[in-house]
Amino acid sequence: MFRISTKHELYRLFMKKTLAYTSDHLKVARYAKALSHPARLAILQLLSEQSCCYSGDIADDLPIARSTLSQHLKELKDAGLIQGEVFPPKIKYCLNKTNWEEARALMY
């Protein structure tokens, strides 16, 4: 049976596996996670057809609750695929075209 005898060996094994991933691997994984839900794909499609859109308008166009929409928008924003500007009480969302193009290039 394989045993790790010290914390140093455990750290060394972890770092060896982590360093095997390139920055492109990490970017693709982040984008893929954000793109892994059909609602997020619908949001991106909607935003790609317009210059920008308010969250309320997105909620009117998609068959999901506003709270669910908010979670999906957060995931897309955290991945850098969209950006939001606050205009109280609304938030205007747009595609982050640079990151969207990068995600498309890395995925294909």
PDB file of N, CA and C in Angstrom:
ATOM      1  N   MET A   1       0.838  -1.181   0.000  1.00  0.00           N
ATOM      2  CA  MET A   1       0.000   0.000   0.000  1.00  0.00           C
ATOM      3  C   MET A   1       0.886   1.248   0.000  1.00  0.00           C
ATOM      4  N   PHE A   2       0.490   2.260  -0.746  1.00  0.00           N
ATOM      5  CA  PHE A   2       1.232   3.507  -0.867  1.00  0.00           C
ATOM      6  C   PHE A   2       0.906   4.404   0.325  1.00  0.00           C
ATOM      7  N   ARG A   3       1.942   4.891   0.990  1.00  0.00           N
ATOM      8  CA  ARG A   3       1.737   5.779   2.134  1.00  0.00           C
ATOM      9  C   ARG A   3       2.592   7.027   1.977  1.00  0.00           C
ATOM     10  N   ILE A   4       2.022   8.116   2.371  1.00  0.00           N
ATOM     11  CA  ILE A   4       2.760   9.378   2.383  1.00  0.00           C
ATOM     12  C   ILE A   4       3.187   9.600   3.818  1.00  0.00           C
ATOM     13  N   SER A   5       4.489   9.696   4.020  1.00  0.00           N
ATOM     14  CA  SER A   5       4.979   9.733   5.393  1.00  0.00           C
ATOM     15  C   SER A   5       5.109  11.138   5.975  1.00  0.00           C
ATOM     16  N   THR A   6       5.231  12.143   5.132  1.00  0.00           N
ATOM     17  CA  THR A   6       5.399  13.492   5.675  1.00  0.00           C
ATOM     18  C   THR A   6       4.502  14.486   4.947  1.00  0.00           C
ATOM     19  N   LYS A   7       4.275  15.604   5.592  1.00  0.00           N
ATOM     20  CA  LYS A   7       3.515  16.684   4.958  1.00  0.00           C
ATOM     21  C   LYS A   7       4.251  17.203   3.735  1.00  0.00           C
ATOM     22  N   HIS A   8       5.565  17.187   3.799  1.00  0.00           N
ATOM     23  CA  HIS A   8       6.371  17.663   2.669  1.00  0.00           C
ATOM     24  C   HIS A   8       6.122  16.803   1.426  1.00  0.00           C
ATOM     25  N   GLU A   9       6.055  15.480   1.603  1.00  0.00           N
ATOM     26  CA  GLU A   9       5.784  14.598   0.460  1.00  0.00           C
ATOM     27  C   GLU A   9       4.399  14.855  -0.108  1.00  0.00           C
ATOM     28  N   LEU A  10       3.426  15.062   0.759  1.00  0.00           N
ATOM     29  CA  LEU A  10       2.063  15.349   0.316  1.00  0.00           C
ATOM     30  C   LEU A  10       2.030  16.657  -0.476  1.00  0.00           C
ATOM     31  N   TYR A  11       2.693  17.679   0.041  1.00  0.00           N
ATOM     32  CA  TYR A  11       2.759  18.970  -0.640  1.00  0.00           C
ATOM     33  C   TYR A  11       3.440  18.821  -2.006  1.00  0.00           C
ATOM     34  N   ARG A  12       4.542  18.079  -2.050  1.00  0.00           N
ATOM     35  CA  ARG A  12       5.280  17.874  -3.291  1.00  0.00           C
ATOM     36  C   ARG A  12       4.414  17.172  -4.332  1.00  0.00           C
ATOM     37  N   LEU A  13       3.665  16.163  -3.938  1.00  0.00           N
ATOM     38  CA  LEU A  13       2.782  15.467  -4.873  1.00  0.00           C
ATOM     39  C   LEU A  13       1.679  16.391  -5.366  1.00  0.00           C
ATOM     40  N   PHE A  14       1.101  17.173  -4.469  1.00  0.00           N
ATOM     41  CA  PHE A  14       0.044  18.110  -4.856  1.00  0.00           C
ATOM     42  C   PHE A  14       0.574  19.138  -5.847  1.00  0.00           C
ATOM     43  N   MET A  15       1.712  19.728  -5.565  1.00  0.00           N
ATOM     44  CA  MET A  15       2.283  20.751  -6.435  1.00  0.00           C
ATOM     45  C   MET A  15       2.667  20.158  -7.795  1.00  0.00           C
ATOM     46  N   LYS A  16       3.159  18.935  -7.798  1.00  0.00           N
ATOM     47  CA  LYS A  16       3.527  18.298  -9.062  1.00  0.00           C
ATOM     48  C   LYS A  16       2.298  18.155  -9.953  1.00  0.00           C
ATOM     49  N   LYS A  17       1.174  17.747  -9.379  1.00  0.00           N
ATOM     50  CA  LYS A  17      -0.054  17.601 -10.163  1.00  0.00           C
ATOM     51  C   LYS A  17      -0.592  18.963 -10.577  1.00  0.00           C
ATOM     52  N   THR A  18      -0.557  19.941  -9.700  1.00  0.00           N
ATOM     53  CA  THR A  18      -1.071  21.270 -10.012  1.00  0.00           C
ATOM     54  C   THR A  18      -0.251  21.938 -11.108  1.00  0.00           C
ATOM     55  N   LEU A  19       1.049  21.794 -11.065  1.00  0.00           N
ATOM     56  CA  LEU A  19       1.917  22.428 -12.048  1.00  0.00           C
ATOM     57  C   LEU A  19       1.800  21.785 -13.425  1.00  0.00           C
ATOM     58  N   ALA A  20       1.164  20.632 -13.507  1.00  0.00           N
ATOM     59  CA  ALA A  20       0.986  19.965 -14.795  1.00  0.00           C
ATOM     60  C   ALA A  20      -0.057  20.680 -15.655  1.00  0.00           C
ATOM     61  N   TYR A  21      -0.857  21.561 -15.061  1.00  0.00           N
ATOM     62  CA  TYR A  21      -1.893  22.276 -15.806  1.00  0.00           C
ATOM     63  C   TYR A  21      -1.363  23.625 -16.269  1.00  0.00           C
ATOM     64  N   THR A  22      -1.606  23.922 -17.535  1.00  0.00           N
ATOM     65  CA  THR A  22      -1.194  25.216 -18.071  1.00  0.00           C
ATOM     66  C   THR A  22      -2.244  26.266 -17.737  1.00  0.00           C
ATOM     67  N   SER A  23      -1.913  27.507 -17.972  1.00  0.00           N
ATOM     68  CA  SER A  23      -2.885  28.574 -17.740  1.00  0.00           C
ATOM     69  C   SER A  23      -4.073  28.419 -18.688  1.00  0.00           C
ATOM     70  N   ASP A  24      -3.831  27.903 -19.887  1.00  0.00           N
ATOM     71  CA  ASP A  24      -4.938  27.645 -20.817  1.00  0.00           C
ATOM     72  C   ASP A  24      -5.871  26.565 -20.281  1.00  0.00           C
ATOM     73  N   HIS A  25      -5.313  25.527 -19.669  1.00  0.00           N
ATOM     74  CA  HIS A  25      -6.154  24.489 -19.054  1.00  0.00           C
ATOM     75  C   HIS A  25      -7.069  25.102 -18.005  1.00  0.00           C
ATOM     76  N   LEU A  26      -6.501  25.935 -17.167  1.00  0.00           N
ATOM     77  CA  LEU A  26      -7.276  26.549 -16.083  1.00  0.00           C
ATOM     78  C   LEU A  26      -8.344  27.492 -16.634  1.00  0.00           C
ATOM     79  N   LYS A  27      -8.009  28.251 -17.678  1.00  0.00           N
ATOM     80  CA  LYS A  27      -8.990  29.151 -18.296  1.00  0.00           C
ATOM     81  C   LYS A  27     -10.135  28.361 -18.921  1.00  0.00           C
ATOM     82  N   VAL A  28      -9.804  27.314 -19.667  1.00  0.00           N
ATOM     83  CA  VAL A  28     -10.838  26.501 -20.308  1.00  0.00           C
ATOM     84  C   VAL A  28     -11.751  25.889 -19.254  1.00  0.00           C
ATOM     85  N   ALA A  29     -11.179  25.399 -18.172  1.00  0.00           N
ATOM     86  CA  ALA A  29     -11.995  24.808 -17.104  1.00  0.00           C
ATOM     87  C   ALA A  29     -12.938  25.844 -16.505  1.00  0.00           C
ATOM     88  N   ARG A  30     -12.451  27.054 -16.307  1.00  0.00           N
ATOM     89  CA  ARG A  30     -13.292  28.117 -15.739  1.00  0.00           C
ATOM     90  C   ARG A  30     -14.424  28.490 -16.706  1.00  0.00           C
ATOM     91  N   TYR A  31     -14.087  28.655 -17.971  1.00  0.00           N
ATOM     92  CA  TYR A  31     -15.111  28.979 -18.962  1.00  0.00           C
ATOM     93  C   TYR A  31     -16.102  27.825 -19.124  1.00  0.00           C
ATOM     94  N   ALA A  32     -15.589  26.596 -19.150  1.00  0.00           N
ATOM     95  CA  ALA A  32     -16.460  25.433 -19.326  1.00  0.00           C
ATOM     96  C   ALA A  32     -17.459  25.321 -18.187  1.00  0.00           C
ATOM     97  N   LYS A  33     -17.013  25.599 -16.979  1.00  0.00           N
ATOM     98  CA  LYS A  33     -17.937  25.567 -15.836  1.00  0.00           C
ATOM     99  C   LYS A  33     -19.047  26.593 -16.026  1.00  0.00           C
ATOM    100  N   ALA A  34     -18.676  27.786 -16.456  1.00  0.00           N
ATOM    101  CA  ALA A  34     -19.674  28.842 -16.651  1.00  0.00           C
ATOM    102  C   ALA A  34     -20.628  28.503 -17.794  1.00  0.00           C
ATOM    103  N   LEU A  35     -20.155  27.771 -18.779  1.00  0.00           N
ATOM    104  CA  LEU A  35     -20.973  27.438 -19.948  1.00  0.00           C
ATOM    105  C   LEU A  35     -21.731  26.120 -19.783  1.00  0.00           C
ATOM    106  N   SER A  36     -21.645  25.509 -18.607  1.00  0.00           N
ATOM    107  CA  SER A  36     -22.179  24.162 -18.428  1.00  0.00           C
ATOM    108  C   SER A  36     -23.672  24.101 -18.108  1.00  0.00           C
ATOM    109  N   HIS A  37     -24.376  25.206 -18.184  1.00  0.00           N
ATOM    110  CA  HIS A  37     -25.817  25.204 -17.915  1.00  0.00           C
ATOM    111  C   HIS A  37     -26.556  25.843 -19.085  1.00  0.00           C
ATOM    112  N   PRO A  38     -27.652  25.227 -19.544  1.00  0.00           N
ATOM    113  CA  PRO A  38     -28.370  25.779 -20.697  1.00  0.00           C
ATOM    114  C   PRO A  38     -28.900  27.193 -20.474  1.00  0.00           C
ATOM    115  N   ALA A  39     -29.260  27.541 -19.253  1.00  0.00           N
ATOM    116  CA  ALA A  39     -29.743  28.903 -18.989  1.00  0.00           C
ATOM    117  C   ALA A  39     -28.634  29.923 -19.230  1.00  0.00           C
ATOM    118  N   ARG A  40     -27.405  29.567 -18.880  1.00  0.00           N
ATOM    119  CA  ARG A  40     -26.284  30.493 -19.092  1.00  0.00           C
ATOM    120  C   ARG A  40     -25.993  30.653 -20.575  1.00  0.00           C
ATOM    121  N   LEU A  41     -26.149  29.569 -21.319  1.00  0.00           N
ATOM    122  CA  LEU A  41     -25.974  29.661 -22.768  1.00  0.00           C
ATOM    123  C   LEU A  41     -27.043  30.557 -23.380  1.00  0.00           C
ATOM    124  N   ALA A  42     -28.268  30.454 -22.875  1.00  0.00           N
ATOM    125  CA  ALA A  42     -29.359  31.304 -23.364  1.00  0.00           C
ATOM    126  C   ALA A  42     -29.085  32.772 -23.025  1.00  0.00           C
ATOM    127  N   ILE A  43     -28.553  33.018 -21.842  1.00  0.00           N
ATOM    128  CA  ILE A  43     -28.213  34.394 -21.438  1.00  0.00           C
ATOM    129  C   ILE A  43     -27.149  34.954 -22.376  1.00  0.00           C
ATOM    130  N   LEU A  44     -26.106  34.170 -22.645  1.00  0.00           N
ATOM    131  CA  LEU A  44     -25.042  34.625 -23.539  1.00  0.00           C
ATOM    132  C   LEU A  44     -25.559  34.869 -24.946  1.00  0.00           C
ATOM    133  N   GLN A  45     -26.444  34.009 -25.409  1.00  0.00           N
ATOM    134  CA  GLN A  45     -27.027  34.208 -26.738  1.00  0.00           C
ATOM    135  C   GLN A  45     -27.825  35.505 -26.784  1.00  0.00           C
ATOM    136  N   LEU A  46     -28.622  35.738 -25.750  1.00  0.00           N
ATOM    137  CA  LEU A  46     -29.421  36.961 -25.671  1.00  0.00           C
ATOM    138  C   LEU A  46     -28.521  38.202 -25.673  1.00  0.00           C
ATOM    139  N   LEU A  47     -27.459  38.157 -24.878  1.00  0.00           N
ATOM    140  CA  LEU A  47     -26.544  39.300 -24.814  1.00  0.00           C
ATOM    141  C   LEU A  47     -25.750  39.478 -26.114  1.00  0.00           C
ATOM    142  N   SER A  48     -25.492  38.388 -26.818  1.00  0.00           N
ATOM    143  CA  SER A  48     -24.744  38.505 -28.070  1.00  0.00           C
ATOM    144  C   SER A  48     -25.593  39.127 -29.180  1.00  0.00           C
ATOM    145  N   GLU A  49     -26.902  39.061 -29.033  1.00  0.00           N
ATOM    146  CA  GLU A  49     -27.810  39.629 -30.040  1.00  0.00           C
ATOM    147  C   GLU A  49     -28.113  41.100 -29.783  1.00  0.00           C
ATOM    148  N   GLN A  50     -27.691  41.606 -28.630  1.00  0.00           N
ATOM    149  CA  GLN A  50     -27.924  43.007 -28.268  1.00  0.00           C
ATOM    150  C   GLN A  50     -26.610  43.587 -27.769  1.00  0.00           C
ATOM    151  N   SER A  51     -26.516  44.887 -27.710  1.00  0.00           N
ATOM    152  CA  SER A  51     -25.281  45.461 -27.183  1.00  0.00           C
ATOM    153  C   SER A  51     -25.205  45.255 -25.669  1.00  0.00           C
ATOM    154  N   CYS A  52     -26.308  45.476 -24.976  1.00  0.00           N
ATOM    155  CA  CYS A  52     -26.392  45.284 -23.529  1.00  0.00           C
ATOM    156  C   CYS A  52     -27.848  45.021 -23.170  1.00  0.00           C
ATOM    157  N   CYS A  53     -28.073  44.587 -21.939  1.00  0.00           N
ATOM    158  CA  CYS A  53     -29.436  44.283 -21.518  1.00  0.00           C
ATOM    159  C   CYS A  53     -29.532  44.411 -20.001  1.00  0.00           C
ATOM    160  N   TYR A  54     -30.642  44.925 -19.523  1.00  0.00           N
ATOM    161  CA  TYR A  54     -30.878  45.011 -18.078  1.00  0.00           C
ATOM    162  C   TYR A  54     -31.359  43.664 -17.559  1.00  0.00           C
ATOM    163  N   SER A  55     -31.017  43.364 -16.307  1.00  0.00           N
ATOM    164  CA  SER A  55     -31.360  42.058 -15.739  1.00  0.00           C
ATOM    165  C   SER A  55     -32.860  41.819 -15.756  1.00  0.00           C
ATOM    166  N   GLY A  56     -33.667  42.834 -15.549  1.00  0.00           N
ATOM    167  CA  GLY A  56     -35.122  42.677 -15.593  1.00  0.00           C
ATOM    168  C   GLY A  56     -35.614  42.252 -16.961  1.00  0.00           C
ATOM    169  N   ASP A  57     -34.986  42.792 -18.002  1.00  0.00           N
ATOM    170  CA  ASP A  57     -35.358  42.421 -19.363  1.00  0.00           C
ATOM    171  C   ASP A  57     -34.961  40.974 -19.668  1.00  0.00           C
ATOM    172  N   ILE A  58     -33.817  40.557 -19.147  1.00  0.00           N
ATOM    173  CA  ILE A  58     -33.387  39.174 -19.337  1.00  0.00           C
ATOM    174  C   ILE A  58     -34.380  38.237 -18.660  1.00  0.00           C
ATOM    175  N   ALA A  59     -34.823  38.616 -17.464  1.00  0.00           N
ATOM    176  CA  ALA A  59     -35.787  37.792 -16.723  1.00  0.00           C
ATOM    177  C   ALA A  59     -37.094  37.668 -17.481  1.00  0.00           C
ATOM    178  N   ASP A  60     -37.482  38.714 -18.187  1.00  0.00           N
ATOM    179  CA  ASP A  60     -38.716  38.668 -18.971  1.00  0.00           C
ATOM    180  C   ASP A  60     -38.588  37.735 -20.176  1.00  0.00           C
ATOM    181  N   ASP A  61     -37.373  37.590 -20.700  1.00  0.00           N
ATOM    182  CA  ASP A  61     -37.155  36.789 -21.904  1.00  0.00           C
ATOM    183  C   ASP A  61     -36.900  35.306 -21.621  1.00  0.00           C
ATOM    184  N   LEU A  62     -36.497  34.982 -20.405  1.00  0.00           N
ATOM    185  CA  LEU A  62     -36.158  33.589 -20.087  1.00  0.00           C
ATOM    186  C   LEU A  62     -37.128  33.017 -19.055  1.00  0.00           C
ATOM    187  N   PRO A  63     -37.429  31.733 -19.162  1.00  0.00           N
ATOM    188  CA  PRO A  63     -38.386  31.112 -18.243  1.00  0.00           C
ATOM    189  C   PRO A  63     -37.761  30.647 -16.932  1.00  0.00           C
ATOM    190  N   ILE A  64     -37.063  31.570 -16.244  1.00  0.00           N
ATOM    191  CA  ILE A  64     -36.468  31.228 -14.947  1.00  0.00           C
ATOM    192  C   ILE A  64     -36.777  32.346 -13.953  1.00  0.00           C
ATOM    193  N   ALA A  65     -36.755  31.981 -12.676  1.00  0.00           N
ATOM    194  CA  ALA A  65     -37.008  32.952 -11.615  1.00  0.00           C
ATOM    195  C   ALA A  65     -35.878  33.978 -11.556  1.00  0.00           C
ATOM    196  N   ARG A  66     -36.192  35.157 -11.084  1.00  0.00           N
ATOM    197  CA  ARG A  66     -35.177  36.219 -10.988  1.00  0.00           C
ATOM    198  C   ARG A  66     -34.016  35.831 -10.076  1.00  0.00           C
ATOM    199  N   SER A  67     -34.320  35.112  -9.003  1.00  0.00           N
ATOM    200  CA  SER A  67     -33.242  34.698  -8.101  1.00  0.00           C
ATOM    201  C   SER A  67     -32.311  33.701  -8.797  1.00  0.00           C
ATOM    202  N   THR A  68     -32.887  32.819  -9.602  1.00  0.00           N
ATOM    203  CA  THR A  68     -32.081  31.858 -10.366  1.00  0.00           C
ATOM    204  C   THR A  68     -31.265  32.588 -11.424  1.00  0.00           C
ATOM    205  N   LEU A  69     -31.891  33.547 -12.086  1.00  0.00           N
ATOM    206  CA  LEU A  69     -31.186  34.358 -13.079  1.00  0.00           C
ATOM    207  C   LEU A  69     -29.991  35.058 -12.440  1.00  0.00           C
ATOM    208  N   SER A  70     -30.200  35.592 -11.270  1.00  0.00           N
ATOM    209  CA  SER A  70     -29.129  36.289 -10.562  1.00  0.00           C
ATOM    210  C   SER A  70     -27.935  35.364 -10.314  1.00  0.00           C
ATOM    211  N   GLN A  71     -28.209  34.127  -9.937  1.00  0.00           N
ATOM    212  CA  GLN A  71     -27.121  33.168  -9.702  1.00  0.00           C
ATOM    213  C   GLN A  71     -26.375  32.859 -11.000  1.00  0.00           C
ATOM    214  N   HIS A  72     -27.112  32.710 -12.082  1.00  0.00           N
ATOM    215  CA  HIS A  72     -26.466  32.429 -13.372  1.00  0.00           C
ATOM    216  C   HIS A  72     -25.643  33.625 -13.851  1.00  0.00           C
ATOM    217  N   LEU A  73     -26.167  34.823 -13.672  1.00  0.00           N
ATOM    218  CA  LEU A  73     -25.421  36.025 -14.053  1.00  0.00           C
ATOM    219  C   LEU A  73     -24.138  36.139 -13.234  1.00  0.00           C
ATOM    220  N   LYS A  74     -24.214  35.799 -11.958  1.00  0.00           N
ATOM    221  CA  LYS A  74     -23.029  35.855 -11.095  1.00  0.00           C
ATOM    222  C   LYS A  74     -21.968  34.870 -11.591  1.00  0.00           C
ATOM    223  N   GLU A  75     -22.384  33.673 -11.948  1.00  0.00           N
ATOM    224  CA  GLU A  75     -21.437  32.670 -12.441  1.00  0.00           C
ATOM    225  C   GLU A  75     -20.758  33.144 -13.732  1.00  0.00           C
ATOM    226  N   LEU A  76     -21.539  33.713 -14.638  1.00  0.00           N
ATOM    227  CA  LEU A  76     -20.975  34.226 -15.892  1.00  0.00           C
ATOM    228  C   LEU A  76     -20.051  35.416 -15.639  1.00  0.00           C
ATOM    229  N   LYS A  77     -20.430  36.254 -14.699  1.00  0.00           N
ATOM    230  CA  LYS A  77     -19.609  37.425 -14.369  1.00  0.00           C
ATOM    231  C   LYS A  77     -18.307  36.986 -13.694  1.00  0.00           C
ATOM    232  N   ASP A  78     -18.391  36.019 -12.767  1.00  0.00           N
ATOM    233  CA  ASP A  78     -17.188  35.520 -12.093  1.00  0.00           C
ATOM    234  C   ASP A  78     -16.209  34.894 -13.074  1.00  0.00           C
ATOM    235  N   ALA A  79     -16.737  34.282 -14.135  1.00  0.00           N
ATOM    236  CA  ALA A  79     -15.874  33.683 -15.162  1.00  0.00           C
ATOM    237  C   ALA A  79     -15.327  34.737 -16.119  1.00  0.00           C
ATOM    238  N   GLY A  80     -15.838  35.954 -16.022  1.00  0.00           N
ATOM    239  CA  GLY A  80     -15.357  37.036 -16.877  1.00  0.00           C
ATOM    240  C   GLY A  80     -16.013  37.082 -18.244  1.00  0.00           C
ATOM    241  N   LEU A  81     -17.083  36.305 -18.446  1.00  0.00           N
ATOM    242  CA  LEU A  81     -17.732  36.279 -19.750  1.00  0.00           C
ATOM    243  C   LEU A  81     -18.693  37.441 -19.955  1.00  0.00           C
ATOM    244  N   ILE A  82     -19.199  37.996 -18.866  1.00  0.00           N
ATOM    245  CA  ILE A  82     -20.055  39.176 -18.957  1.00  0.00           C
ATOM    246  C   ILE A  82     -19.570  40.208 -17.954  1.00  0.00           C
ATOM    247  N   GLN A  83     -20.039  41.430 -18.134  1.00  0.00           N
ATOM    248  CA  GLN A  83     -19.733  42.498 -17.178  1.00  0.00           C
ATOM    249  C   GLN A  83     -21.029  43.226 -16.872  1.00  0.00           C
ATOM    250  N   GLY A  84     -21.118  43.729 -15.666  1.00  0.00           N
ATOM    251  CA  GLY A  84     -22.324  44.424 -15.253  1.00  0.00           C
ATOM    252  C   GLY A  84     -22.016  45.818 -14.742  1.00  0.00           C
ATOM    253  N   GLU A  85     -22.932  46.727 -15.031  1.00  0.00           N
ATOM    254  CA  GLU A  85     -22.834  48.109 -14.555  1.00  0.00           C
ATOM    255  C   GLU A  85     -24.091  48.405 -13.756  1.00  0.00           C
ATOM    256  N   VAL A  86     -23.927  48.932 -12.569  1.00  0.00           N
ATOM    257  CA  VAL A  86     -25.066  49.200 -11.697  1.00  0.00           C
ATOM    258  C   VAL A  86     -25.623  50.589 -11.974  1.00  0.00           C
ATOM    259  N   PHE A  87     -26.913  50.611 -12.273  1.00  0.00           N
ATOM    260  CA  PHE A  87     -27.684  51.842 -12.408  1.00  0.00           C
ATOM    261  C   PHE A  87     -28.912  51.661 -11.519  1.00  0.00           C
ATOM    262  N   PRO A  88     -28.777  51.957 -10.217  1.00  0.00           N
ATOM    263  CA  PRO A  88     -29.858  51.632  -9.270  1.00  0.00           C
ATOM    264  C   PRO A  88     -31.224  52.056  -9.786  1.00  0.00           C
ATOM    265  N   PRO A  89     -32.199  51.204  -9.668  1.00  0.00           N
ATOM    266  CA  PRO A  89     -32.189  49.849  -9.067  1.00  0.00           C
ATOM    267  C   PRO A  89     -31.884  48.744 -10.067  1.00  0.00           C
ATOM    268  N   LYS A  90     -31.376  49.064 -11.235  1.00  0.00           N
ATOM    269  CA  LYS A  90     -31.128  48.056 -12.269  1.00  0.00           C
ATOM    270  C   LYS A  90     -29.636  47.802 -12.457  1.00  0.00           C
ATOM    271  N   ILE A  91     -29.351  46.657 -13.075  1.00  0.00           N
ATOM    272  CA  ILE A  91     -27.982  46.328 -13.466  1.00  0.00           C
ATOM    273  C   ILE A  91     -27.993  46.032 -14.962  1.00  0.00           C
ATOM    274  N   LYS A  92     -27.106  46.700 -15.678  1.00  0.00           N
ATOM    275  CA  LYS A  92     -26.989  46.495 -17.120  1.00  0.00           C
ATOM    276  C   LYS A  92     -25.851  45.512 -17.383  1.00  0.00           C
ATOM    277  N   TYR A  93     -26.160  44.445 -18.119  1.00  0.00           N
ATOM    278  CA  TYR A  93     -25.169  43.419 -18.432  1.00  0.00           C
ATOM    279  C   TYR A  93     -24.820  43.451 -19.913  1.00  0.00           C
ATOM    280  N   CYS A  94     -23.542  43.221 -20.201  1.00  0.00           N
ATOM    281  CA  CYS A  94     -23.029  43.148 -21.569  1.00  0.00           C
ATOM    282  C   CYS A  94     -22.033  41.991 -21.638  1.00  0.00           C
ATOM    283  N   LEU A  95     -21.847  41.471 -22.833  1.00  0.00           N
ATOM    284  CA  LEU A  95     -20.787  40.488 -23.024  1.00  0.00           C
ATOM    285  C   LEU A  95     -19.437  41.155 -22.813  1.00  0.00           C
ATOM    286  N   ASN A  96     -18.525  40.445 -22.196  1.00  0.00           N
ATOM    287  CA  ASN A  96     -17.137  40.885 -22.176  1.00  0.00           C
ATOM    288  C   ASN A  96     -16.532  40.282 -23.446  1.00  0.00           C
ATOM    289  N   LYS A  97     -16.516  41.059 -24.503  1.00  0.00           N
ATOM    290  CA  LYS A  97     -16.172  40.539 -25.833  1.00  0.00           C
ATOM    291  C   LYS A  97     -14.775  39.943 -25.892  1.00  0.00           C
ATOM    292  N   THR A  98     -13.842  40.529 -25.178  1.00  0.00           N
ATOM    293  CA  THR A  98     -12.471  40.005 -25.182  1.00  0.00           C
ATOM    294  C   THR A  98     -12.439  38.597 -24.606  1.00  0.00           C
ATOM    295  N   ASN A  99     -13.034  38.425 -23.423  1.00  0.00           N
ATOM    296  CA  ASN A  99     -13.033  37.105 -22.785  1.00  0.00           C
ATOM    297  C   ASN A  99     -13.917  36.113 -23.535  1.00  0.00           C
ATOM    298  N   TRP A 100     -15.014  36.587 -24.111  1.00  0.00           N
ATOM    299  CA  TRP A 100     -15.895  35.705 -24.872  1.00  0.00           C
ATOM    300  C   TRP A 100     -15.151  35.145 -26.088  1.00  0.00           C
ATOM    301  N   GLU A 101     -14.421  36.007 -26.789  1.00  0.00           N
ATOM    302  CA  GLU A 101     -13.639  35.545 -27.935  1.00  0.00           C
ATOM    303  C   GLU A 101     -12.529  34.587 -27.505  1.00  0.00           C
ATOM    304  N   GLU A 102     -11.901  34.879 -26.364  1.00  0.00           N
ATOM    305  CA  GLU A 102     -10.860  33.995 -25.849  1.00  0.00           C
ATOM    306  C   GLU A 102     -11.455  32.632 -25.509  1.00  0.00           C
ATOM    307  N   ALA A 103     -12.609  32.615 -24.873  1.00  0.00           N
ATOM    308  CA  ALA A 103     -13.262  31.348 -24.506  1.00  0.00           C
ATOM    309  C   ALA A 103     -13.598  30.556 -25.758  1.00  0.00           C
ATOM    310  N   ARG A 104     -14.126  31.215 -26.757  1.00  0.00           N
ATOM    311  CA  ARG A 104     -14.469  30.542 -28.011  1.00  0.00           C
ATOM    312  C   ARG A 104     -13.215  29.962 -28.673  1.00  0.00           C
ATOM    313  N   ALA A 105     -12.152  30.724 -28.679  1.00  0.00           N
ATOM    314  CA  ALA A 105     -10.906  30.256 -29.309  1.00  0.00           C
ATOM    315  C   ALA A 105     -10.306  29.066 -28.545  1.00  0.00           C
ATOM    316  N   LEU A 106     -10.361  29.127 -27.220  1.00  0.00           N
ATOM    317  CA  LEU A 106      -9.790  28.043 -26.419  1.00  0.00           C
ATOM    318  C   LEU A 106     -10.623  26.764 -26.496  1.00  0.00           C
ATOM    319  N   MET A 107     -11.925  26.918 -26.696  1.00  0.00           N
ATOM    320  CA  MET A 107     -12.824  25.756 -26.705  1.00  0.00           C
ATOM    321  C   MET A 107     -12.784  25.021 -28.042  1.00  0.00           C
ATOM    322  N   TYR A 108     -12.443  25.718 -29.102  1.00  0.00           N
ATOM    323  CA  TYR A 108     -12.494  25.077 -30.424  1.00  0.00           C
ATOM    324  C   TYR A 108     -11.141  24.810 -30.919  1.00  0.00           C
TER     325      TYR A 108
END
